[in-house]
Every structure is written in structure tokens, then in C-alpha cells.
Amino acid sequence: MELTATEVQVLFVAIALGGLVATVWLWPRLSGPSWRSIAARVGVLVADQALLLLAVAVVVNAYFGFFGSWGDLLGTNADDAPAITAGTAAGGAGLVRVLDSRPVEVTRPKVGLPAGRLEQVTITGARTGLSSSAYVYLPPQYFDKKYAGRHFPVILGLTGYPGDAENMVTRLDMPTLTATSILTHEIGPTVLVLMRPTVAPPRDTECVDVPGGPQVETYFTSDVPRAVAAAFRVGTGAANWGVLGESTGGYCALKLTMRHPQAFSAAVSLSGYFHALTDVTTGDLFGGNRRLRDENDLMWRLSNLPAPPVSVLVTSSRQGESDYRATTDFLAAVKAPMRASSLILPSGGHNFATWNRELPQALPWLAQQLHAPAWTPSRPTSAPDPKRLARESAPRPAQRPRPRHHRPTHRAAKRRAR
């Protein structure tokens, strides 16, 4: 069973409760002044505390989606390992492998209305060799014959660390929110590519091209757009692509867009931060390279480098978010041609409940910054009339040459008059 399965949560809670029941039953037998009885009572209490903390950890992990599987937790997950696709050219559609597909339904403007499809895929990078699971949402227009030649704009969604791409489907419900916004004409038809930034688990790379390590920045800015564009009808220009993320994904969204305006034109950061974190989960991300560290610090970039021509939206809360002051400092540092908007809640924590309050405004804002590739709908041609074709193709009878009539010249007319 998966780590986040309901059965696993119930099992660990039951074990913790069973430990408490066993403690109550055994306690009279462990009474006594001897050191063995005292040691036994201490051991039982410690075991109860450990079981209770373990049960709470499993439930909290399932709620927030920190680790999606036992492999993620133990660092033995092979699902996201680099894969070799035989017979596939670089950038070919074979770099995206579809694992599952299911319809998306909405409640507005009508309950149960078909609203596109959600594809579960793996995306392999032709340049980096990295591979990661993802969810691709295709809007209903993608399957409409009237849009057969159309390419669509794309939003790349990134979770926090360690997170799971499925959180953006089950916890943030981004496909349904996008579909509803499309069907109510709030935004145009838009494709979603939902991923997690942890493409080299269990390491938190902060979307950095690690010297001598995984090239995660290149994977998201080059490999993913090229592979997706080869597999689906989406645009390839920066004006067609935007990034949205929460927490670590929010930092990645801002950084990828600011560092690569040739790949992305807009970004949304939900409770994101503004410089790469360094801790036991990241290791040495920059190999002692101070310049590389500075270039991944967004505040340093705003102070020392020309501002990129991109649009960003950052969110925070006046109470409950530790990044509120950093967010206001970032907004104050932005200068043209970069444009920055903000969504500040009165209060809210660093959690899915807060992000679900922000998404109904943040996601349409991002979609409205993007442009669909130029498209001219093909006009259907009417079927030719078979009788007219028969008449036009039938052999025509030979015609006698018509006699040529010459009009008399002025001089000839004079002779006749004489």
C-alpha cells in the first residue's frame, strides 16, 4: 500500500491506540520499586510516545503530501529515474509517455459537464536525461474539430518540496479550476503541465543546475517545453508559457521566469521565497561558486542585473506567513520592464487551505498574461457537384474554325464609294 493511502493511516492510528490500551492493561503489572519495574514503565511510555508521533506523522504527511510513496521517504524511488527511450530523436514525442487518461468534469456552468481530459505521463529530458512524472490537462477545445489546427498556451505548475504532482490535482484541484474558468469564458483554452520540482529525489535541488549534479534548471526551461510541444499541440514561444508554484515551487516559478525570459513570460509564486535554501536536504548546490549562488538569489538579481521583461504575481499573508516582509521587499525592488502584482491575504498559513483561497484569482491572472499562438481556422470546403464534374470532364466535339471578318479600311471604303 502507498504511504498516503487511507488504509495506511488507519493502520498506524490503530497501532498507536493499541499501544495505549496495552499500556493501561500492563501498568499494574509494572508497578513496584525495583529498577526493572521503573525501567519497564519508562520504556512503555517512550514506546507510546513514539507510536503516537509516528501515527501523527503519517496522517500529516498524507494531508500535506510531503512524501508520495515509501520510495520517496526512504530515497529508493526508482519511478523518477532517468529513462532511455529507444528509437526516439531528441525532442521527439516519445519523450512523453502516457500512463493513464481520464475525463475531467465540472459543476459550473453545469453539473457533470465534460471539460477535457487529464493525462498522467512521464517526461524525459533529451538534454539532461532527467525524467519525472507529471499530469497534463487538455481543455475541451483540444478535442474540438473546429480547433484541429490550433496550438494552446501552457501553464507549468510546480509543487513544493518534497511534494507530489498529484497534490496539484487532488489538493489544489487545478484541472477543475482551469476547466471551469475556460467554460465560463474567464480565460481562453489553456493546457496545464503539473509537476514537482524534486526530479532527483530525495534531494531538494531548488531548481538549480547543480555543478557536477542534476541539471534541473535546464530540465524545466528546455527539456520540458520541447518534449511537451512535441507531444501536444502547444505553443513554443515564451509568450505561450507561464509557471505557477507554491512554496519551493513558488521560488522556482519566479527564478525560472526571471532567469529565462526566453522560455517563460509570466509567473505566479504562492508563498514562495526569494533565494535558494541550503540545508541537509539540498547539500552543496553551488559547488562553492559564489557567482552561481548570487545569480539564484532573486533580490541580488533585482539589485545588480537588468530587470527581465516578464510579469509576476506574488502572494503572502500579513499574519501567519513568515515570508510577508521578504515579499514586500521584493515588490519594492522590482523595476521596469519587469511588472509585479501582489495578492496579500489578511491572514493565512503556509498550507493548501491558504493556496486554495488564492488560486481562484492567481490562476486566471496567469492565464490572462499568456498568448495563444497565431491561428487561422481552416474553412471547410463544400463537396463538388458530381454532375458539374461530369460536364467539365466530358470530351467536347471539335469545332470548325470561325471565319475571320475583316473590317474595311478607310482607303478601301473610299474606292467603293467611287
Protein backbone atom coordinates (compact mmCIF):
# COMPACT_ATOMS: atom_id res chain seq x y z
CA MET A 1 0.00 0.00 0.00
CA GLU A 2 1.12 3.54 -0.74
CA LEU A 3 2.33 5.74 2.09
CA THR A 4 -0.56 8.18 1.63
CA ALA A 5 -3.28 5.52 1.37
CA THR A 6 -6.17 5.76 3.84
CA GLU A 7 -5.58 2.18 4.92
CA VAL A 8 -2.01 3.02 5.95
CA GLN A 9 -3.18 6.00 8.01
CA VAL A 10 -5.84 3.88 9.75
CA LEU A 11 -3.27 1.15 10.45
CA PHE A 12 -0.79 3.49 12.15
CA VAL A 13 -3.51 5.20 14.19
CA ALA A 14 -4.81 1.78 15.27
CA ILE A 15 -1.31 0.69 16.31
CA ALA A 16 -0.90 3.86 18.40
CA LEU A 17 -4.26 3.33 20.10
CA GLY A 18 -3.40 -0.32 20.64
CA GLY A 19 -0.21 0.76 22.39
CA LEU A 20 -2.18 2.96 24.78
CA VAL A 21 -4.61 0.14 25.56
CA ALA A 22 -1.72 -2.24 26.18
CA THR A 23 -0.10 0.30 28.49
CA VAL A 24 -3.24 0.58 30.62
CA TRP A 25 -3.51 -3.22 30.82
CA LEU A 26 0.17 -3.75 31.68
CA TRP A 27 0.63 -0.84 34.07
CA PRO A 28 -0.43 -2.68 37.28
CA ARG A 29 1.99 -5.49 36.47
CA LEU A 30 4.81 -2.99 36.05
CA SER A 31 4.28 -1.35 39.43
CA GLY A 32 6.94 -1.80 42.03
CA PRO A 33 10.01 -0.03 43.44
CA SER A 34 12.62 -2.19 41.66
CA TRP A 35 14.78 -0.64 38.95
CA ARG A 36 13.42 -3.18 36.45
CA SER A 37 9.83 -2.04 37.04
CA ILE A 38 10.85 1.60 36.74
CA ALA A 39 12.77 0.91 33.50
CA ALA A 40 9.80 -1.02 32.10
CA ARG A 41 7.38 1.83 32.84
CA VAL A 42 9.72 4.36 31.22
CA GLY A 43 10.11 2.08 28.18
CA VAL A 44 6.36 1.68 27.79
CA LEU A 45 5.80 5.44 27.97
CA VAL A 46 8.54 6.10 25.41
CA ALA A 47 7.08 3.45 23.06
CA ASP A 48 3.62 5.02 23.38
CA GLN A 49 5.01 8.45 22.55
CA ALA A 50 6.92 7.07 19.54
CA LEU A 51 3.85 5.27 18.18
CA LEU A 52 1.70 8.35 18.65
CA LEU A 53 4.21 10.62 16.90
CA LEU A 54 4.55 8.11 14.07
CA ALA A 55 0.78 7.99 13.57
CA VAL A 56 0.57 11.80 13.55
CA ALA A 57 3.45 11.99 11.06
CA VAL A 58 1.73 9.56 8.67
CA VAL A 59 -1.56 11.47 8.82
CA VAL A 60 0.11 14.87 8.42
CA ASN A 61 2.21 13.58 5.53
CA ALA A 62 -0.90 12.32 3.76
CA TYR A 63 -2.63 15.67 4.29
CA PHE A 64 0.21 17.87 3.05
CA GLY A 65 1.71 15.38 0.57
CA PHE A 66 5.32 15.74 1.69
CA PHE A 67 6.24 12.20 0.57
CA GLY A 68 4.09 10.44 -2.01
CA SER A 69 5.43 6.92 -1.58
CA TRP A 70 7.65 4.73 0.58
CA GLY A 71 10.35 5.14 -2.05
CA ASP A 72 10.23 8.90 -1.67
CA LEU A 73 10.53 8.60 2.09
CA LEU A 74 13.41 6.14 2.02
CA GLY A 75 15.15 7.64 -1.01
CA THR A 76 14.80 4.43 -3.01
CA ASN A 77 12.17 5.59 -5.52
CA ALA A 78 13.09 4.36 -8.98
CA ASP A 79 9.98 5.73 -10.71
CA ASP A 80 11.62 9.05 -11.49
CA ALA A 81 14.99 7.62 -12.51
CA PRO A 82 16.39 8.71 -15.88
CA ALA A 83 14.98 6.62 -18.70
CA ILE A 84 16.22 5.80 -22.20
CA THR A 85 13.60 5.87 -24.91
CA ALA A 86 14.69 3.63 -27.76
CA GLY A 87 14.35 4.99 -31.27
CA THR A 88 13.33 8.50 -30.21
CA ALA A 89 15.09 11.55 -31.58
CA ALA A 90 15.89 14.45 -29.31
CA GLY A 91 12.75 16.44 -28.74
CA GLY A 92 10.55 13.71 -30.19
CA ALA A 93 7.09 12.93 -28.96
CA GLY A 94 8.37 9.65 -27.49
CA LEU A 95 9.93 11.62 -24.63
CA VAL A 96 6.43 11.96 -23.18
CA ARG A 97 4.94 8.61 -22.20
CA VAL A 98 1.23 8.47 -21.32
CA LEU A 99 0.46 6.17 -18.39
CA ASP A 100 -3.21 6.92 -17.79
CA SER A 101 -6.01 9.17 -19.04
CA ARG A 102 -9.33 10.20 -17.55
CA PRO A 103 -12.03 12.79 -18.23
CA VAL A 104 -12.39 15.99 -16.22
CA GLU A 105 -15.84 17.11 -15.12
CA VAL A 106 -17.00 20.39 -13.59
CA THR A 107 -20.00 21.62 -11.61
CA ARG A 108 -20.18 25.01 -13.30
CA PRO A 109 -21.79 26.10 -15.54
CA LYS A 110 -23.48 22.68 -15.45
CA VAL A 111 -23.01 19.67 -13.16
CA GLY A 112 -21.14 16.81 -14.83
CA LEU A 113 -20.24 18.83 -17.92
CA PRO A 114 -17.33 17.24 -19.84
CA ALA A 115 -14.38 19.59 -19.50
CA GLY A 116 -11.36 18.00 -21.17
CA ARG A 117 -9.01 15.22 -20.12
CA LEU A 118 -6.22 14.65 -17.60
CA GLU A 119 -3.25 12.62 -18.82
CA GLN A 120 -0.80 11.04 -16.39
CA VAL A 121 2.59 10.99 -18.10
CA THR A 122 6.33 10.80 -17.62
CA ILE A 123 8.53 13.43 -19.25
CA THR A 124 12.11 12.55 -20.12
CA GLY A 125 14.63 15.27 -20.89
CA ALA A 126 16.59 14.91 -24.11
CA ARG A 127 19.38 17.19 -22.90
CA THR A 128 19.60 16.31 -19.21
CA GLY A 129 18.44 12.69 -19.13
CA LEU A 130 16.23 13.52 -16.15
CA SER A 131 12.77 12.00 -16.01
CA SER A 132 9.76 12.87 -13.88
CA SER A 133 6.09 12.09 -13.59
CA ALA A 134 3.53 14.76 -14.48
CA TYR A 135 -0.14 15.42 -15.15
CA VAL A 136 -1.19 17.13 -18.38
CA TYR A 137 -4.61 18.75 -18.53
CA LEU A 138 -6.03 19.20 -22.04
CA PRO A 139 -9.01 21.58 -22.37
CA PRO A 140 -12.22 20.53 -24.18
CA GLN A 141 -11.28 22.66 -27.20
CA TYR A 142 -8.23 20.46 -27.71
CA PHE A 143 -10.59 17.73 -28.96
CA ASP A 144 -12.95 20.02 -30.90
CA LYS A 145 -12.72 19.68 -34.69
CA LYS A 146 -13.07 23.45 -35.03
CA TYR A 147 -9.75 23.79 -33.18
CA ALA A 148 -7.98 20.97 -35.01
CA GLY A 149 -5.14 23.19 -36.18
CA ARG A 150 -4.83 25.28 -33.06
CA HIS A 151 -1.95 25.32 -30.57
CA PHE A 152 -2.60 26.33 -26.97
CA PRO A 153 -0.79 28.29 -24.23
CA VAL A 154 0.65 26.33 -21.30
CA ILE A 155 0.91 26.78 -17.54
CA LEU A 156 3.64 24.75 -15.86
CA GLY A 157 2.57 24.03 -12.26
CA LEU A 158 5.16 23.11 -9.59
CA THR A 159 4.51 21.79 -6.08
CA GLY A 160 6.61 22.39 -3.00
CA TYR A 161 9.33 20.12 -1.63
CA PRO A 162 9.19 17.18 -1.37
CA GLY A 163 5.57 17.20 -2.58
CA ASP A 164 3.90 15.16 -5.27
CA ALA A 165 2.49 16.31 -8.60
CA GLU A 166 -0.80 14.65 -7.64
CA ASN A 167 -1.26 17.29 -4.92
CA MET A 168 -1.99 19.85 -7.63
CA VAL A 169 -4.83 17.59 -8.80
CA THR A 170 -6.26 16.32 -5.51
CA ARG A 171 -5.45 19.15 -3.07
CA LEU A 172 -5.47 22.25 -5.30
CA ASP A 173 -7.85 20.85 -7.95
CA MET A 174 -6.15 22.88 -10.68
CA PRO A 175 -7.61 20.94 -13.66
CA THR A 176 -11.17 21.54 -12.48
CA LEU A 177 -10.48 25.18 -11.66
CA THR A 178 -8.93 25.73 -15.08
CA ALA A 179 -11.76 23.92 -16.87
CA THR A 180 -14.38 25.99 -15.03
CA SER A 181 -12.58 29.22 -15.90
CA ILE A 182 -12.48 28.18 -19.55
CA LEU A 183 -16.14 27.15 -19.74
CA THR A 184 -17.27 30.37 -18.04
CA HIS A 185 -15.12 32.36 -20.51
CA GLU A 186 -12.91 33.84 -17.79
CA ILE A 187 -9.83 32.59 -19.63
CA GLY A 188 -9.09 31.09 -23.02
CA PRO A 189 -8.33 27.39 -23.61
CA THR A 190 -5.15 26.59 -21.69
CA VAL A 191 -3.07 23.43 -21.16
CA LEU A 192 -1.64 22.54 -17.74
CA VAL A 193 1.57 20.58 -17.08
CA LEU A 194 1.63 19.73 -13.37
CA MET A 195 4.92 18.51 -11.85
CA ARG A 196 7.05 18.61 -8.73
CA PRO A 197 10.46 20.29 -8.61
CA THR A 198 12.01 17.21 -6.99
CA VAL A 199 13.23 15.43 -10.13
CA ALA A 200 16.27 13.90 -8.42
CA PRO A 201 14.67 12.51 -5.23
CA PRO A 202 15.19 12.71 -2.35
CA ARG A 203 17.45 15.72 -2.97
CA ASP A 204 15.97 19.20 -2.96
CA THR A 205 17.79 20.90 -5.82
CA GLU A 206 15.87 24.22 -5.63
CA CYS A 207 15.60 24.09 -9.45
CA VAL A 208 19.36 24.66 -9.79
CA ASP A 209 21.75 23.27 -12.38
CA VAL A 210 23.95 21.67 -9.72
CA PRO A 211 27.66 21.64 -10.69
CA GLY A 212 28.50 18.01 -11.33
CA GLY A 213 24.93 17.04 -10.40
CA PRO A 214 21.40 17.05 -11.81
CA GLN A 215 20.70 19.87 -14.28
CA VAL A 216 17.23 20.65 -13.01
CA GLU A 217 17.02 24.23 -14.28
CA THR A 218 17.81 23.08 -17.82
CA TYR A 219 15.27 20.29 -17.49
CA PHE A 220 12.42 22.71 -16.73
CA THR A 221 13.43 25.53 -19.07
CA SER A 222 14.46 23.46 -22.09
CA ASP A 223 13.61 19.76 -21.86
CA VAL A 224 10.05 20.01 -20.57
CA PRO A 225 8.80 22.69 -23.03
CA ARG A 226 10.36 20.89 -26.00
CA ALA A 227 9.06 17.46 -25.03
CA VAL A 228 5.56 18.77 -24.32
CA ALA A 229 5.46 20.77 -27.56
CA ALA A 230 6.49 17.65 -29.50
CA ALA A 231 3.78 15.52 -27.89
CA PHE A 232 0.87 18.01 -27.69
CA ARG A 233 -0.44 20.95 -29.70
CA VAL A 234 1.01 23.76 -27.59
CA GLY A 235 2.92 26.92 -28.33
CA THR A 236 6.70 27.09 -28.19
CA GLY A 237 7.32 30.79 -27.54
CA ALA A 238 7.85 32.50 -24.20
CA ALA A 239 4.56 34.36 -24.66
CA ASN A 240 2.81 30.97 -24.69
CA TRP A 241 4.32 29.64 -21.41
CA GLY A 242 3.93 30.62 -17.76
CA VAL A 243 4.86 29.00 -14.42
CA LEU A 244 2.87 28.72 -11.18
CA GLY A 245 4.16 27.19 -7.98
CA GLU A 246 3.68 27.06 -4.23
CA SER A 247 6.40 27.20 -1.57
CA THR A 248 9.56 25.77 -3.18
CA GLY A 249 7.62 25.64 -6.44
CA GLY A 250 6.88 29.35 -6.00
CA TYR A 251 10.59 30.17 -5.71
CA CYS A 252 11.25 28.01 -8.78
CA ALA A 253 8.46 29.73 -10.74
CA LEU A 254 9.93 33.18 -10.11
CA LYS A 255 13.52 32.13 -10.69
CA LEU A 256 12.91 30.16 -13.89
CA THR A 257 10.96 33.07 -15.36
CA MET A 258 13.38 35.80 -14.29
CA ARG A 259 16.46 33.86 -15.41
CA HIS A 260 14.92 32.56 -18.62
CA PRO A 261 12.55 35.13 -20.16
CA GLN A 262 13.15 33.40 -23.49
CA ALA A 263 11.27 30.36 -22.08
CA PHE A 264 8.58 31.88 -19.82
CA SER A 265 6.86 35.26 -19.88
CA ALA A 266 4.93 35.20 -16.59
CA ALA A 267 4.96 33.52 -13.17
CA VAL A 268 2.90 33.14 -10.01
CA SER A 269 4.53 32.43 -6.65
CA LEU A 270 2.20 31.23 -3.89
CA SER A 271 4.02 31.68 -0.57
CA GLY A 272 7.35 31.37 -2.33
CA TYR A 273 10.72 32.67 -1.16
CA PHE A 274 13.44 34.58 -2.97
CA HIS A 275 16.74 32.73 -2.61
CA ALA A 276 17.80 29.09 -2.73
CA LEU A 277 17.68 27.36 0.62
CA THR A 278 20.68 25.39 1.84
CA ASP A 279 20.20 22.60 4.36
CA VAL A 280 20.61 18.87 4.80
CA THR A 281 18.07 18.17 2.04
CA THR A 282 19.89 20.30 -0.56
CA GLY A 283 23.53 19.65 0.09
CA ASP A 284 26.02 21.92 -1.69
CA LEU A 285 24.01 23.33 -4.61
CA PHE A 286 26.65 25.72 -5.95
CA GLY A 287 29.95 23.90 -5.52
CA GLY A 288 31.45 26.90 -3.74
CA ASN A 289 30.66 29.14 -6.73
CA ARG A 290 29.63 32.49 -5.21
CA ARG A 291 28.56 33.89 -8.57
CA LEU A 292 26.19 30.98 -9.17
CA ARG A 293 24.74 31.42 -5.69
CA ASP A 294 24.16 35.13 -6.28
CA GLU A 295 22.52 34.54 -9.66
CA ASN A 296 19.99 32.25 -7.97
CA ASP A 297 19.21 34.96 -5.38
CA LEU A 298 16.26 36.94 -6.78
CA MET A 299 16.89 40.01 -4.62
CA TRP A 300 20.52 40.11 -5.78
CA ARG A 301 19.34 39.89 -9.39
CA LEU A 302 16.98 42.83 -8.97
CA SER A 303 19.76 44.93 -7.45
CA ASN A 304 22.61 44.00 -9.79
CA LEU A 305 21.18 42.88 -13.15
CA PRO A 306 18.83 44.41 -15.73
CA ALA A 307 15.21 43.54 -15.00
CA PRO A 308 13.73 40.97 -17.39
CA PRO A 309 10.61 41.83 -19.45
CA VAL A 310 8.30 39.46 -17.55
CA SER A 311 5.17 39.71 -15.38
CA VAL A 312 4.96 38.09 -11.94
CA LEU A 313 2.36 37.73 -9.18
CA VAL A 314 3.46 37.02 -5.61
CA THR A 315 1.18 36.10 -2.70
CA SER A 316 1.54 36.14 1.07
CA SER A 317 -0.39 36.87 4.28
CA ARG A 318 0.10 39.69 6.75
CA GLN A 319 -0.37 37.23 9.60
CA GLY A 320 0.70 33.59 9.54
CA GLU A 321 3.27 33.73 6.73
CA SER A 322 6.96 34.12 7.57
CA ASP A 323 7.74 35.49 4.09
CA TYR A 324 5.48 38.58 4.27
CA ARG A 325 8.33 41.06 4.88
CA ALA A 326 10.51 39.44 2.21
CA THR A 327 7.58 39.63 -0.23
CA THR A 328 7.09 43.36 0.31
CA ASP A 329 10.85 43.92 -0.11
CA PHE A 330 10.74 42.00 -3.40
CA LEU A 331 7.81 44.06 -4.69
CA ALA A 332 9.61 47.28 -3.80
CA ALA A 333 12.75 46.19 -5.66
CA VAL A 334 11.06 45.35 -8.97
CA LYS A 335 11.74 47.85 -11.75
CA ALA A 336 10.69 48.20 -15.40
CA PRO A 337 10.38 46.47 -17.78
CA MET A 338 9.52 43.80 -15.21
CA ARG A 339 6.00 44.06 -13.79
CA ALA A 340 4.95 42.71 -10.38
CA SER A 341 1.49 42.27 -8.87
CA SER A 342 0.59 41.04 -5.40
CA LEU A 343 -2.19 39.18 -3.61
CA ILE A 344 -1.86 39.69 0.17
CA LEU A 345 -4.34 37.98 2.50
CA PRO A 346 -5.10 39.40 5.95
CA SER A 347 -4.16 36.05 7.47
CA GLY A 348 -3.22 32.59 6.28
CA GLY A 349 -0.69 29.85 6.82
CA HIS A 350 1.82 28.07 4.66
CA ASN A 351 -0.66 25.37 3.59
CA PHE A 352 -3.11 24.16 0.97
CA ALA A 353 -6.05 25.92 2.63
CA THR A 354 -4.38 29.28 2.00
CA TRP A 355 -3.35 28.44 -1.54
CA ASN A 356 -6.87 27.29 -2.35
CA ARG A 357 -8.07 30.77 -1.33
CA GLU A 358 -5.53 32.41 -3.64
CA LEU A 359 -5.77 30.17 -6.71
CA PRO A 360 -9.21 31.36 -7.97
CA GLN A 361 -7.58 34.74 -8.63
CA ALA A 362 -3.97 33.72 -9.24
CA LEU A 363 -4.54 31.07 -11.90
CA PRO A 364 -6.79 33.22 -14.16
CA TRP A 365 -4.34 36.11 -13.73
CA LEU A 366 -1.53 33.95 -15.09
CA ALA A 367 -3.62 32.56 -17.95
CA GLN A 368 -4.56 36.09 -18.98
CA GLN A 369 -0.87 37.06 -19.26
CA LEU A 370 -0.26 34.35 -21.85
CA HIS A 371 -0.98 34.49 -25.56
CA ALA A 372 -2.23 31.69 -27.76
CA PRO A 373 -0.09 31.12 -30.86
CA ALA A 374 -1.39 32.80 -34.03
CA TRP A 375 -4.05 30.65 -35.63
CA THR A 376 -6.22 30.88 -38.74
CA PRO A 377 -9.14 28.42 -38.68
CA SER A 378 -9.40 26.33 -41.79
CA ARG A 379 -12.60 26.85 -43.75
CA PRO A 380 -14.37 23.64 -44.73
CA THR A 381 -14.78 23.30 -48.49
CA SER A 382 -18.13 22.11 -49.87
CA ALA A 383 -18.21 18.83 -51.76
CA PRO A 384 -18.09 19.34 -55.59
CA ASP A 385 -21.22 18.72 -57.64
CA PRO A 386 -20.76 15.36 -59.43
CA LYS A 387 -22.93 16.49 -62.41
CA ARG A 388 -20.79 19.60 -62.85
CA LEU A 389 -17.64 17.50 -62.71
CA ALA A 390 -19.07 15.15 -65.34
CA ARG A 391 -19.90 18.05 -67.64
CA GLU A 392 -16.47 19.59 -67.22
CA SER A 393 -14.63 16.32 -67.79
CA ALA A 394 -16.69 15.12 -70.80
CA PRO A 395 -14.90 15.38 -74.21
CA ARG A 396 -16.06 18.31 -76.27
CA PRO A 397 -16.87 17.97 -80.03
CA ALA A 398 -14.42 19.50 -82.45
CA GLN A 399 -15.46 22.95 -83.60
CA ARG A 400 -14.96 24.42 -87.08
CA PRO A 401 -12.80 27.47 -87.16
CA ARG A 402 -14.86 30.60 -87.40
CA PRO A 403 -14.36 32.77 -90.50
CA ARG A 404 -12.50 35.93 -89.88
CA HIS A 405 -14.32 39.09 -90.93
CA HIS A 406 -12.07 41.98 -91.77
CA ARG A 407 -13.47 45.41 -91.45
CA PRO A 408 -12.69 47.55 -94.50
CA THR A 409 -10.05 50.13 -94.08
CA HIS A 410 -10.68 53.78 -94.63
CA ARG A 411 -8.94 53.67 -98.04
CA ALA A 412 -10.97 50.64 -99.24
CA ALA A 413 -14.19 52.39 -98.25
CA LYS A 414 -13.19 55.35 -100.47
CA ARG A 415 -12.66 53.10 -103.52
CA ARG A 416 -16.11 51.56 -103.11
CA ALA A 417 -17.64 54.99 -102.90
CA ARG A 418 -16.13 55.85 -106.31
